[in-house]
PDB file of N, CA and C in Angstrom:
ATOM      1  N   MET A   1      11.479   8.472  -3.084  1.00  0.00           N
ATOM      2  CA  MET A   1      10.792   9.158  -4.151  1.00  0.00           C
ATOM      3  C   MET A   1      10.751  10.639  -3.797  1.00  0.00           C
ATOM      4  N   THR A   2      10.940  11.467  -4.779  1.00  0.00           N
ATOM      5  CA  THR A   2      10.891  12.909  -4.578  1.00  0.00           C
ATOM      6  C   THR A   2       9.890  13.519  -5.540  1.00  0.00           C
ATOM      7  N   ALA A   3       8.981  14.308  -4.986  1.00  0.00           N
ATOM      8  CA  ALA A   3       8.017  15.034  -5.807  1.00  0.00           C
ATOM      9  C   ALA A   3       8.581  16.431  -6.042  1.00  0.00           C
ATOM     10  N   PHE A   4       9.019  16.701  -7.270  1.00  0.00           N
ATOM     11  CA  PHE A   4       9.615  17.995  -7.601  1.00  0.00           C
ATOM     12  C   PHE A   4       8.557  19.068  -7.841  1.00  0.00           C
ATOM     13  N   GLN A   5       7.365  18.647  -8.239  1.00  0.00           N
ATOM     14  CA  GLN A   5       6.256  19.573  -8.436  1.00  0.00           C
ATOM     15  C   GLN A   5       5.135  19.154  -7.489  1.00  0.00           C
ATOM     16  N   PRO A   6       4.290  20.073  -7.071  1.00  0.00           N
ATOM     17  CA  PRO A   6       3.212  19.718  -6.146  1.00  0.00           C
ATOM     18  C   PRO A   6       2.300  18.634  -6.722  1.00  0.00           C
ATOM     19  N   VAL A   7       2.072  17.598  -5.931  1.00  0.00           N
ATOM     20  CA  VAL A   7       1.168  16.513  -6.320  1.00  0.00           C
ATOM     21  C   VAL A   7      -0.205  16.845  -5.757  1.00  0.00           C
ATOM     22  N   THR A   8      -1.172  16.981  -6.650  1.00  0.00           N
ATOM     23  CA  THR A   8      -2.536  17.313  -6.227  1.00  0.00           C
ATOM     24  C   THR A   8      -3.559  16.291  -6.709  1.00  0.00           C
ATOM     25  N   ASN A   9      -3.133  15.355  -7.553  1.00  0.00           N
ATOM     26  CA  ASN A   9      -4.036  14.349  -8.097  1.00  0.00           C
ATOM     27  C   ASN A   9      -3.294  13.020  -8.109  1.00  0.00           C
ATOM     28  N   CYS A  10      -3.528  12.192  -7.106  1.00  0.00           N
ATOM     29  CA  CYS A  10      -2.806  10.920  -6.979  1.00  0.00           C
ATOM     30  C   CYS A  10      -3.783   9.795  -6.654  1.00  0.00           C
ATOM     31  N   TRP A  11      -3.750   8.753  -7.467  1.00  0.00           N
ATOM     32  CA  TRP A  11      -4.551   7.549  -7.233  1.00  0.00           C
ATOM     33  C   TRP A  11      -3.602   6.393  -6.990  1.00  0.00           C
ATOM     34  N   ILE A  12      -3.999   5.501  -6.101  1.00  0.00           N
ATOM     35  CA  ILE A  12      -3.202   4.310  -5.797  1.00  0.00           C
ATOM     36  C   ILE A  12      -4.065   3.086  -6.052  1.00  0.00           C
ATOM     37  N   GLU A  13      -3.485   2.122  -6.756  1.00  0.00           N
ATOM     38  CA  GLU A  13      -4.155   0.840  -6.980  1.00  0.00           C
ATOM     39  C   GLU A  13      -3.367  -0.233  -6.231  1.00  0.00           C
ATOM     40  N   PHE A  14      -4.056  -1.009  -5.410  1.00  0.00           N
ATOM     41  CA  PHE A  14      -3.423  -2.055  -4.609  1.00  0.00           C
ATOM     42  C   PHE A  14      -3.994  -3.401  -5.019  1.00  0.00           C
ATOM     43  N   GLN A  15      -3.096  -4.387  -5.171  1.00  0.00           N
ATOM     44  CA  GLN A  15      -3.523  -5.751  -5.464  1.00  0.00           C
ATOM     45  C   GLN A  15      -2.707  -6.719  -4.612  1.00  0.00           C
ATOM     46  N   MET A  16      -3.330  -7.826  -4.238  1.00  0.00           N
ATOM     47  CA  MET A  16      -2.617  -8.843  -3.471  1.00  0.00           C
ATOM     48  C   MET A  16      -2.847 -10.200  -4.127  1.00  0.00           C
ATOM     49  N   PHE A  17      -1.748 -10.946  -4.288  1.00  0.00           N
ATOM     50  CA  PHE A  17      -1.767 -12.250  -4.941  1.00  0.00           C
ATOM     51  C   PHE A  17      -1.220 -13.293  -3.980  1.00  0.00           C
ATOM     52  N   LYS A  18      -1.667 -14.538  -4.125  1.00  0.00           N
ATOM     53  CA  LYS A  18      -1.125 -15.663  -3.353  1.00  0.00           C
ATOM     54  C   LYS A  18      -0.447 -16.611  -4.325  1.00  0.00           C
ATOM     55  N   ARG A  19       0.707 -17.123  -3.914  1.00  0.00           N
ATOM     56  CA  ARG A  19       1.460 -18.010  -4.794  1.00  0.00           C
ATOM     57  C   ARG A  19       0.982 -19.447  -4.637  1.00  0.00           C
ATOM     58  N   GLU A  20       0.536 -20.009  -5.730  1.00  0.00           N
ATOM     59  CA  GLU A  20       0.104 -21.411  -5.827  1.00  0.00           C
ATOM     60  C   GLU A  20       0.447 -21.862  -7.241  1.00  0.00           C
ATOM     61  N   ASN A  21       1.630 -22.426  -7.455  1.00  0.00           N
ATOM     62  CA  ASN A  21       2.094 -22.750  -8.803  1.00  0.00           C
ATOM     63  C   ASN A  21       2.073 -21.498  -9.675  1.00  0.00           C
ATOM     64  N   GLY A  22       2.708 -20.467  -9.208  1.00  0.00           N
ATOM     65  CA  GLY A  22       2.666 -19.147  -9.836  1.00  0.00           C
ATOM     66  C   GLY A  22       1.712 -18.272  -9.035  1.00  0.00           C
ATOM     67  N   TYR A  23       1.766 -16.982  -9.244  1.00  0.00           N
ATOM     68  CA  TYR A  23       0.884 -16.076  -8.500  1.00  0.00           C
ATOM     69  C   TYR A  23      -0.487 -16.066  -9.147  1.00  0.00           C
ATOM     70  N   LYS A  24      -1.486 -16.415  -8.363  1.00  0.00           N
ATOM     71  CA  LYS A  24      -2.860 -16.518  -8.845  1.00  0.00           C
ATOM     72  C   LYS A  24      -3.490 -15.130  -8.941  1.00  0.00           C
ATOM     73  N   PRO A  25      -4.570 -15.047  -9.709  1.00  0.00           N
ATOM     74  CA  PRO A  25      -5.241 -13.750  -9.828  1.00  0.00           C
ATOM     75  C   PRO A  25      -5.516 -13.147  -8.454  1.00  0.00           C
ATOM     76  N   TRP A  26      -5.634 -11.852  -8.440  1.00  0.00           N
ATOM     77  CA  TRP A  26      -5.677 -11.097  -7.199  1.00  0.00           C
ATOM     78  C   TRP A  26      -6.676 -11.633  -6.191  1.00  0.00           C
ATOM     79  N   LEU A  27      -6.222 -11.646  -4.934  1.00  0.00           N
ATOM     80  CA  LEU A  27      -7.100 -11.966  -3.810  1.00  0.00           C
ATOM     81  C   LEU A  27      -7.889 -10.728  -3.406  1.00  0.00           C
ATOM     82  N   MET A  28      -7.223  -9.596  -3.549  1.00  0.00           N
ATOM     83  CA  MET A  28      -7.809  -8.327  -3.150  1.00  0.00           C
ATOM     84  C   MET A  28      -7.366  -7.283  -4.166  1.00  0.00           C
ATOM     85  N   LYS A  29      -8.284  -6.430  -4.567  1.00  0.00           N
ATOM     86  CA  LYS A  29      -7.937  -5.351  -5.481  1.00  0.00           C
ATOM     87  C   LYS A  29      -8.738  -4.122  -5.070  1.00  0.00           C
ATOM     88  N   SER A  30      -8.048  -3.020  -4.926  1.00  0.00           N
ATOM     89  CA  SER A  30      -8.706  -1.794  -4.484  1.00  0.00           C
ATOM     90  C   SER A  30      -7.938  -0.602  -5.032  1.00  0.00           C
ATOM     91  N   SER A  31      -8.638   0.475  -5.310  1.00  0.00           N
ATOM     92  CA  SER A  31      -7.971   1.712  -5.705  1.00  0.00           C
ATOM     93  C   SER A  31      -8.651   2.865  -4.981  1.00  0.00           C
ATOM     94  N   TRP A  32      -7.881   3.915  -4.744  1.00  0.00           N
ATOM     95  CA  TRP A  32      -8.415   5.057  -4.010  1.00  0.00           C
ATOM     96  C   TRP A  32      -7.659   6.321  -4.364  1.00  0.00           C
ATOM     97  N   ASP A  33      -8.321   7.436  -4.122  1.00  0.00           N
ATOM     98  CA  ASP A  33      -7.749   8.756  -4.316  1.00  0.00           C
ATOM     99  C   ASP A  33      -6.892   9.066  -3.089  1.00  0.00           C
ATOM    100  N   ALA A  34      -5.581   9.107  -3.255  1.00  0.00           N
ATOM    101  CA  ALA A  34      -4.668   9.276  -2.124  1.00  0.00           C
ATOM    102  C   ALA A  34      -4.832  10.642  -1.465  1.00  0.00           C
ATOM    103  N   CYS A  35      -5.057  11.674  -2.244  1.00  0.00           N
ATOM    104  CA  CYS A  35      -5.218  13.016  -1.658  1.00  0.00           C
ATOM    105  C   CYS A  35      -6.473  13.070  -0.797  1.00  0.00           C
ATOM    106  N   ARG A  36      -7.552  12.525  -1.292  1.00  0.00           N
ATOM    107  CA  ARG A  36      -8.798  12.487  -0.516  1.00  0.00           C
ATOM    108  C   ARG A  36      -8.626  11.615   0.723  1.00  0.00           C
ATOM    109  N   PHE A  37      -7.940  10.480   0.583  1.00  0.00           N
ATOM    110  CA  PHE A  37      -7.734   9.567   1.704  1.00  0.00           C
ATOM    111  C   PHE A  37      -6.931  10.228   2.821  1.00  0.00           C
ATOM    112  N   LEU A  38      -5.891  11.000   2.465  1.00  0.00           N
ATOM    113  CA  LEU A  38      -5.070  11.636   3.494  1.00  0.00           C
ATOM    114  C   LEU A  38      -5.832  12.742   4.237  1.00  0.00           C
ATOM    115  N   LYS A  39      -6.889  13.291   3.616  1.00  0.00           N
ATOM    116  CA  LYS A  39      -7.742  14.260   4.319  1.00  0.00           C
ATOM    117  C   LYS A  39      -8.670  13.543   5.289  1.00  0.00           C
ATOM    118  N   LYS A  40      -9.292  12.449   4.815  1.00  0.00           N
ATOM    119  CA  LYS A  40     -10.204  11.667   5.641  1.00  0.00           C
ATOM    120  C   LYS A  40     -10.189  10.232   5.124  1.00  0.00           C
ATOM    121  N   ALA A  41      -9.717   9.325   5.972  1.00  0.00           N
ATOM    122  CA  ALA A  41      -9.623   7.914   5.586  1.00  0.00           C
ATOM    123  C   ALA A  41     -11.023   7.360   5.314  1.00  0.00           C
ATOM    124  N   TYR A  42     -11.227   6.830   4.098  1.00  0.00           N
ATOM    125  CA  TYR A  42     -12.554   6.363   3.712  1.00  0.00           C
ATOM    126  C   TYR A  42     -12.570   4.956   3.138  1.00  0.00           C
ATOM    127  N   ASN A  43     -11.437   4.422   2.736  1.00  0.00           N
ATOM    128  CA  ASN A  43     -11.388   3.119   2.086  1.00  0.00           C
ATOM    129  C   ASN A  43     -10.846   2.086   3.070  1.00  0.00           C
ATOM    130  N   PRO A  44     -11.600   1.017   3.384  1.00  0.00           N
ATOM    131  CA  PRO A  44     -11.161   0.061   4.395  1.00  0.00           C
ATOM    132  C   PRO A  44      -9.835  -0.637   4.057  1.00  0.00           C
ATOM    133  N   PHE A  45      -9.610  -0.970   2.793  1.00  0.00           N
ATOM    134  CA  PHE A  45      -8.340  -1.602   2.418  1.00  0.00           C
ATOM    135  C   PHE A  45      -7.181  -0.615   2.549  1.00  0.00           C
ATOM    136  N   ALA A  46      -7.423   0.620   2.156  1.00  0.00           N
ATOM    137  CA  ALA A  46      -6.385   1.644   2.276  1.00  0.00           C
ATOM    138  C   ALA A  46      -6.040   1.902   3.736  1.00  0.00           C
ATOM    139  N   ILE A  47      -7.024   1.846   4.610  1.00  0.00           N
ATOM    140  CA  ILE A  47      -6.774   2.037   6.040  1.00  0.00           C
ATOM    141  C   ILE A  47      -5.850   0.945   6.567  1.00  0.00           C
ATOM    142  N   ILE A  48      -6.091  -0.298   6.175  1.00  0.00           N
ATOM    143  CA  ILE A  48      -5.242  -1.418   6.599  1.00  0.00           C
ATOM    144  C   ILE A  48      -3.811  -1.211   6.128  1.00  0.00           C
ATOM    145  N   ILE A  49      -3.645  -0.815   4.876  1.00  0.00           N
ATOM    146  CA  ILE A  49      -2.310  -0.615   4.312  1.00  0.00           C
ATOM    147  C   ILE A  49      -1.632   0.591   4.960  1.00  0.00           C
ATOM    148  N   TYR A  50      -2.365   1.686   5.117  1.00  0.00           N
ATOM    149  CA  TYR A  50      -1.790   2.907   5.699  1.00  0.00           C
ATOM    150  C   TYR A  50      -1.330   2.672   7.139  1.00  0.00           C
ATOM    151  N   ARG A  51      -2.096   1.888   7.903  1.00  0.00           N
ATOM    152  CA  ARG A  51      -1.682   1.583   9.287  1.00  0.00           C
ATOM    153  C   ARG A  51      -0.339   0.868   9.315  1.00  0.00           C
ATOM    154  N   GLN A  52      -0.047   0.060   8.293  1.00  0.00           N
ATOM    155  CA  GLN A  52       1.235  -0.638   8.229  1.00  0.00           C
ATOM    156  C   GLN A  52       2.393   0.339   8.012  1.00  0.00           C
ATOM    157  N   PHE A  53       2.187   1.366   7.187  1.00  0.00           N
ATOM    158  CA  PHE A  53       3.271   2.244   6.757  1.00  0.00           C
ATOM    159  C   PHE A  53       3.407   3.547   7.548  1.00  0.00           C
ATOM    160  N   LYS A  54       2.360   4.005   8.221  1.00  0.00           N
ATOM    161  CA  LYS A  54       2.363   5.367   8.758  1.00  0.00           C
ATOM    162  C   LYS A  54       3.473   5.629   9.770  1.00  0.00           C
ATOM    163  N   ASP A  55       3.878   4.647  10.554  1.00  0.00           N
ATOM    164  CA  ASP A  55       4.945   4.858  11.544  1.00  0.00           C
ATOM    165  C   ASP A  55       6.339   4.867  10.927  1.00  0.00           C
ATOM    166  N   PHE A  56       6.465   4.459   9.674  1.00  0.00           N
ATOM    167  CA  PHE A  56       7.761   4.362   9.011  1.00  0.00           C
ATOM    168  C   PHE A  56       7.923   5.364   7.880  1.00  0.00           C
ATOM    169  N   SER A  57       6.920   6.205   7.676  1.00  0.00           N
ATOM    170  CA  SER A  57       6.905   7.092   6.521  1.00  0.00           C
ATOM    171  C   SER A  57       6.589   8.530   6.930  1.00  0.00           C
ATOM    172  N   ASN A  58       6.902   9.452   6.044  1.00  0.00           N
ATOM    173  CA  ASN A  58       6.539  10.844   6.270  1.00  0.00           C
ATOM    174  C   ASN A  58       5.275  11.231   5.498  1.00  0.00           C
ATOM    175  N   LEU A  59       4.518  10.243   5.006  1.00  0.00           N
ATOM    176  CA  LEU A  59       3.229  10.521   4.346  1.00  0.00           C
ATOM    177  C   LEU A  59       2.196  10.791   5.430  1.00  0.00           C
ATOM    178  N   ASN A  60       2.130  12.025   5.884  1.00  0.00           N
ATOM    179  CA  ASN A  60       1.276  12.321   7.030  1.00  0.00           C
ATOM    180  C   ASN A  60       0.430  13.576   6.847  1.00  0.00           C
ATOM    181  N   HIS A  61       0.362  14.108   5.646  1.00  0.00           N
ATOM    182  CA  HIS A  61      -0.501  15.256   5.407  1.00  0.00           C
ATOM    183  C   HIS A  61      -1.118  15.156   4.025  1.00  0.00           C
ATOM    184  N   SER A  62      -2.165  15.936   3.807  1.00  0.00           N
ATOM    185  CA  SER A  62      -2.880  15.854   2.537  1.00  0.00           C
ATOM    186  C   SER A  62      -2.165  16.661   1.455  1.00  0.00           C
ATOM    187  N   CYS A  63      -2.699  16.578   0.272  1.00  0.00           N
ATOM    188  CA  CYS A  63      -2.123  17.261  -0.885  1.00  0.00           C
ATOM    189  C   CYS A  63      -2.307  18.756  -0.776  1.00  0.00           C
ATOM    190  N   PRO A  64      -1.504  19.563  -1.398  1.00  0.00           N
ATOM    191  CA  PRO A  64      -0.439  19.195  -2.327  1.00  0.00           C
ATOM    192  C   PRO A  64       0.784  18.656  -1.586  1.00  0.00           C
ATOM    193  N   TYR A  65       1.427  17.682  -2.201  1.00  0.00           N
ATOM    194  CA  TYR A  65       2.607  17.044  -1.628  1.00  0.00           C
ATOM    195  C   TYR A  65       3.825  17.421  -2.462  1.00  0.00           C
ATOM    196  N   VAL A  66       4.866  17.924  -1.802  1.00  0.00           N
ATOM    197  CA  VAL A  66       6.107  18.320  -2.472  1.00  0.00           C
ATOM    198  C   VAL A  66       7.265  17.813  -1.628  1.00  0.00           C
ATOM    199  N   GLY A  67       8.323  17.361  -2.292  1.00  0.00           N
ATOM    200  CA  GLY A  67       9.525  16.957  -1.572  1.00  0.00           C
ATOM    201  C   GLY A  67       9.688  15.457  -1.499  1.00  0.00           C
ATOM    202  N   ASP A  68      10.534  15.035  -0.577  1.00  0.00           N
ATOM    203  CA  ASP A  68      10.863  13.621  -0.430  1.00  0.00           C
ATOM    204  C   ASP A  68       9.739  12.865   0.262  1.00  0.00           C
ATOM    205  N   VAL A  69       9.492  11.647  -0.234  1.00  0.00           N
ATOM    206  CA  VAL A  69       8.609  10.701   0.433  1.00  0.00           C
ATOM    207  C   VAL A  69       9.528   9.586   0.919  1.00  0.00           C
ATOM    208  N   ILE A  70       9.557   9.403   2.222  1.00  0.00           N
ATOM    209  CA  ILE A  70      10.524   8.487   2.829  1.00  0.00           C
ATOM    210  C   ILE A  70       9.799   7.324   3.493  1.00  0.00           C
ATOM    211  N   LEU A  71      10.302   6.121   3.273  1.00  0.00           N
ATOM    212  CA  LEU A  71       9.864   4.913   3.962  1.00  0.00           C
ATOM    213  C   LEU A  71      11.130   4.268   4.492  1.00  0.00           C
ATOM    214  N   GLU A  72      11.260   4.208   5.810  1.00  0.00           N
ATOM    215  CA  GLU A  72      12.507   3.734   6.403  1.00  0.00           C
ATOM    216  C   GLU A  72      12.224   2.775   7.556  1.00  0.00           C
ATOM    217  N   GLY A  73      12.923   1.642   7.574  1.00  0.00           N
ATOM    218  CA  GLY A  73      12.829   0.680   8.666  1.00  0.00           C
ATOM    219  C   GLY A  73      11.535  -0.110   8.682  1.00  0.00           C
ATOM    220  N   PHE A  74      10.863  -0.219   7.551  1.00  0.00           N
ATOM    221  CA  PHE A  74       9.561  -0.884   7.502  1.00  0.00           C
ATOM    222  C   PHE A  74       9.668  -2.387   7.734  1.00  0.00           C
ATOM    223  N   TYR A  75       8.723  -2.906   8.491  1.00  0.00           N
ATOM    224  CA  TYR A  75       8.520  -4.350   8.613  1.00  0.00           C
ATOM    225  C   TYR A  75       7.021  -4.596   8.752  1.00  0.00           C
ATOM    226  N   LEU A  76       6.579  -5.755   8.283  1.00  0.00           N
ATOM    227  CA  LEU A  76       5.166  -6.098   8.303  1.00  0.00           C
ATOM    228  C   LEU A  76       4.726  -6.379   9.732  1.00  0.00           C
ATOM    229  N   GLN A  77       3.623  -5.777  10.143  1.00  0.00           N
ATOM    230  CA  GLN A  77       3.069  -5.966  11.479  1.00  0.00           C
ATOM    231  C   GLN A  77       1.752  -6.745  11.351  1.00  0.00           C
ATOM    232  N   PRO A  78       1.787  -8.073  11.461  1.00  0.00           N
ATOM    233  CA  PRO A  78       0.581  -8.880  11.220  1.00  0.00           C
ATOM    234  C   PRO A  78      -0.588  -8.517  12.132  1.00  0.00           C
ATOM    235  N   GLU A  79      -0.300  -8.041  13.341  1.00  0.00           N
ATOM    236  CA  GLU A  79      -1.381  -7.691  14.264  1.00  0.00           C
ATOM    237  C   GLU A  79      -2.199  -6.495  13.766  1.00  0.00           C
ATOM    238  N   LEU A  80      -1.642  -5.691  12.870  1.00  0.00           N
ATOM    239  CA  LEU A  80      -2.366  -4.545  12.311  1.00  0.00           C
ATOM    240  C   LEU A  80      -3.134  -4.887  11.042  1.00  0.00           C
ATOM    241  N   LEU A  81      -2.920  -6.083  10.508  1.00  0.00           N
ATOM    242  CA  LEU A  81      -3.601  -6.446   9.267  1.00  0.00           C
ATOM    243  C   LEU A  81      -5.110  -6.546   9.448  1.00  0.00           C
ATOM    244  N   GLY A  82      -5.536  -7.151  10.550  1.00  0.00           N
ATOM    245  CA  GLY A  82      -6.968  -7.310  10.753  1.00  0.00           C
ATOM    246  C   GLY A  82      -7.585  -8.302   9.787  1.00  0.00           C
ATOM    247  N   LEU A  83      -6.749  -9.038   9.077  1.00  0.00           N
ATOM    248  CA  LEU A  83      -7.212 -10.039   8.111  1.00  0.00           C
ATOM    249  C   LEU A  83      -6.668 -11.406   8.500  1.00  0.00           C
ATOM    250  N   VAL A  84      -7.397 -12.434   8.160  1.00  0.00           N
ATOM    251  CA  VAL A  84      -6.914 -13.789   8.377  1.00  0.00           C
ATOM    252  C   VAL A  84      -6.311 -14.265   7.070  1.00  0.00           C
ATOM    253  N   LEU A  85      -5.011 -14.540   7.096  1.00  0.00           N
ATOM    254  CA  LEU A  85      -4.324 -15.031   5.904  1.00  0.00           C
ATOM    255  C   LEU A  85      -3.869 -16.458   6.152  1.00  0.00           C
ATOM    256  N   PRO A  86      -4.089 -17.356   5.198  1.00  0.00           N
ATOM    257  CA  PRO A  86      -3.536 -18.694   5.349  1.00  0.00           C
ATOM    258  C   PRO A  86      -2.024 -18.670   5.103  1.00  0.00           C
ATOM    259  N   THR A  87      -1.333 -19.657   5.642  1.00  0.00           N
ATOM    260  CA  THR A  87       0.107 -19.764   5.439  1.00  0.00           C
ATOM    261  C   THR A  87       0.401 -19.801   3.943  1.00  0.00           C
ATOM    262  N   GLY A  88       1.415 -19.053   3.526  1.00  0.00           N
ATOM    263  CA  GLY A  88       1.787 -19.057   2.125  1.00  0.00           C
ATOM    264  C   GLY A  88       2.654 -17.880   1.744  1.00  0.00           C
ATOM    265  N   ASP A  89       3.022 -17.840   0.461  1.00  0.00           N
ATOM    266  CA  ASP A  89       3.812 -16.751  -0.112  1.00  0.00           C
ATOM    267  C   ASP A  89       2.858 -15.785  -0.807  1.00  0.00           C
ATOM    268  N   TYR A  90       3.098 -14.504  -0.606  1.00  0.00           N
ATOM    269  CA  TYR A  90       2.207 -13.478  -1.122  1.00  0.00           C
ATOM    270  C   TYR A  90       2.983 -12.417  -1.879  1.00  0.00           C
ATOM    271  N   LEU A  91       2.271 -11.721  -2.754  1.00  0.00           N
ATOM    272  CA  LEU A  91       2.794 -10.575  -3.482  1.00  0.00           C
ATOM    273  C   LEU A  91       1.786  -9.443  -3.320  1.00  0.00           C
ATOM    274  N   ALA A  92       2.248  -8.303  -2.820  1.00  0.00           N
ATOM    275  CA  ALA A  92       1.418  -7.109  -2.715  1.00  0.00           C
ATOM    276  C   ALA A  92       1.990  -6.077  -3.680  1.00  0.00           C
ATOM    277  N   THR A  93       1.148  -5.536  -4.543  1.00  0.00           N
ATOM    278  CA  THR A  93       1.608  -4.552  -5.522  1.00  0.00           C
ATOM    279  C   THR A  93       0.844  -3.241  -5.338  1.00  0.00           C
ATOM    280  N   THR A  94       1.547  -2.145  -5.508  1.00  0.00           N
ATOM    281  CA  THR A  94       0.891  -0.837  -5.561  1.00  0.00           C
ATOM    282  C   THR A  94       1.326  -0.155  -6.852  1.00  0.00           C
ATOM    283  N   THR A  95       0.371   0.463  -7.500  1.00  0.00           N
ATOM    284  CA  THR A  95       0.638   1.256  -8.695  1.00  0.00           C
ATOM    285  C   THR A  95       0.145   2.661  -8.396  1.00  0.00           C
ATOM    286  N   TRP A  96       1.030   3.633  -8.576  1.00  0.00           N
ATOM    287  CA  TRP A  96       0.728   5.032  -8.263  1.00  0.00           C
ATOM    288  C   TRP A  96       0.513   5.799  -9.563  1.00  0.00           C
ATOM    289  N   PHE A  97      -0.632   6.467  -9.661  1.00  0.00           N
ATOM    290  CA  PHE A  97      -0.973   7.286 -10.816  1.00  0.00           C
ATOM    291  C   PHE A  97      -0.995   8.741 -10.367  1.00  0.00           C
ATOM    292  N   ILE A  98      -0.197   9.573 -11.000  1.00  0.00           N
ATOM    293  CA  ILE A  98      -0.187  10.996 -10.692  1.00  0.00           C
ATOM    294  C   ILE A  98      -0.594  11.735 -11.960  1.00  0.00           C
ATOM    295  N   ASP A  99      -1.627  12.544 -11.846  1.00  0.00           N
ATOM    296  CA  ASP A  99      -2.230  13.224 -12.994  1.00  0.00           C
ATOM    297  C   ASP A  99      -2.583  12.229 -14.097  1.00  0.00           C
ATOM    298  N   LYS A 100      -3.162  11.105 -13.697  1.00  0.00           N
ATOM    299  CA  LYS A 100      -3.643  10.038 -14.583  1.00  0.00           C
ATOM    300  C   LYS A 100      -2.537   9.337 -15.365  1.00  0.00           C
ATOM    301  N   LYS A 101      -1.279   9.493 -14.933  1.00  0.00           N
ATOM    302  CA  LYS A 101      -0.160   8.810 -15.578  1.00  0.00           C
ATOM    303  C   LYS A 101       0.451   7.826 -14.589  1.00  0.00           C
ATOM    304  N   LYS A 102       0.669   6.596 -15.068  1.00  0.00           N
ATOM    305  CA  LYS A 102       1.301   5.596 -14.203  1.00  0.00           C
ATOM    306  C   LYS A 102       2.743   6.031 -13.967  1.00  0.00           C
ATOM    307  N   LEU A 103       3.082   6.291 -12.706  1.00  0.00           N
ATOM    308  CA  LEU A 103       4.385   6.847 -12.397  1.00  0.00           C
ATOM    309  C   LEU A 103       5.274   5.904 -11.612  1.00  0.00           C
ATOM    310  N   LEU A 104       4.682   5.043 -10.798  1.00  0.00           N
ATOM    311  CA  LEU A 104       5.482   4.241  -9.882  1.00  0.00           C
ATOM    312  C   LEU A 104       4.774   2.933  -9.588  1.00  0.00           C
ATOM    313  N   MET A 105       5.536   1.843  -9.584  1.00  0.00           N
ATOM    314  CA  MET A 105       5.013   0.541  -9.171  1.00  0.00           C
ATOM    315  C   MET A 105       5.923   0.001  -8.084  1.00  0.00           C
ATOM    316  N   ILE A 106       5.313  -0.452  -6.992  1.00  0.00           N
ATOM    317  CA  ILE A 106       6.072  -1.033  -5.888  1.00  0.00           C
ATOM    318  C   ILE A 106       5.510  -2.425  -5.627  1.00  0.00           C
ATOM    319  N   ASN A 107       6.395  -3.430  -5.650  1.00  0.00           N
ATOM    320  CA  ASN A 107       6.009  -4.807  -5.362  1.00  0.00           C
ATOM    321  C   ASN A 107       6.661  -5.243  -4.064  1.00  0.00           C
ATOM    322  N   GLY A 108       5.897  -5.902  -3.225  1.00  0.00           N
ATOM    323  CA  GLY A 108       6.428  -6.436  -1.979  1.00  0.00           C
ATOM    324  C   GLY A 108       6.076  -7.907  -1.864  1.00  0.00           C
ATOM    325  N   TYR A 109       7.083  -8.730  -1.676  1.00  0.00           N
ATOM    326  CA  TYR A 109       6.890 -10.165  -1.528  1.00  0.00           C
ATOM    327  C   TYR A 109       7.058 -10.511  -0.055  1.00  0.00           C
ATOM    328  N   PHE A 110       6.187 -11.374   0.464  1.00  0.00           N
ATOM    329  CA  PHE A 110       6.346 -11.796   1.849  1.00  0.00           C
ATOM    330  C   PHE A 110       5.781 -13.190   2.045  1.00  0.00           C
ATOM    331  N   LYS A 111       6.280 -13.834   3.082  1.00  0.00           N
ATOM    332  CA  LYS A 111       5.811 -15.161   3.474  1.00  0.00           C
ATOM    333  C   LYS A 111       5.083 -14.994   4.791  1.00  0.00           C
ATOM    334  N   PHE A 112       3.880 -15.553   4.871  1.00  0.00           N
ATOM    335  CA  PHE A 112       3.101 -15.482   6.096  1.00  0.00           C
ATOM    336  C   PHE A 112       2.915 -16.896   6.623  1.00  0.00           C
ATOM    337  N   THR A 113       3.165 -17.072   7.917  1.00  0.00           N
ATOM    338  CA  THR A 113       2.997 -18.379   8.562  1.00  0.00           C
ATOM    339  C   THR A 113       2.004 -18.225   9.710  1.00  0.00           C
ATOM    340  N   GLU A 114       0.942 -19.021   9.680  1.00  0.00           N
ATOM    341  CA  GLU A 114      -0.042 -18.975  10.744  1.00  0.00           C
ATOM    342  C   GLU A 114       0.566 -19.488  12.044  1.00  0.00           C
ATOM    343  N   ASP A 115       0.285 -18.825  13.141  1.00  0.00           N
ATOM    344  CA  ASP A 115       0.720 -19.280  14.448  1.00  0.00           C
ATOM    345  C   ASP A 115      -0.476 -19.942  15.089  1.00  0.00           C
ATOM    346  N   LEU A 116      -0.547 -21.261  14.986  1.00  0.00           N
ATOM    347  CA  LEU A 116      -1.717 -21.978  15.456  1.00  0.00           C
ATOM    348  C   LEU A 116      -1.659 -22.353  16.928  1.00  0.00           C
ATOM    349  N   LEU A 117      -0.569 -22.032  17.594  1.00  0.00           N
ATOM    350  CA  LEU A 117      -0.470 -22.370  19.018  1.00  0.00           C
ATOM    351  C   LEU A 117      -0.976 -21.273  19.901  1.00  0.00           C
TER     352      LEU A 117
END
């Protein structure tokens, strides 16, 4: 993604679904002001998500944001989740609003298997 104009107003909405005969209503739903969050992390769900992406992305400073946003070599790190998830198929969605306009939706599907040993 490339921001051609400075981004100064960005909200992110995150939802997580579990698949049980189709994806069931959200298990978790949270939204936060991304510019405020990058200045000082304040939302517990956003902190969990940001810890997953920060080592693979160049999203490392507060607004205004201009230029390329890169996510490269990402893989899910269950030890950073800090959540207990039952075995199953999941869908994580993010919707990005810039200047109150829905601009980007990213969906991530993953399978989680509990290691009970």
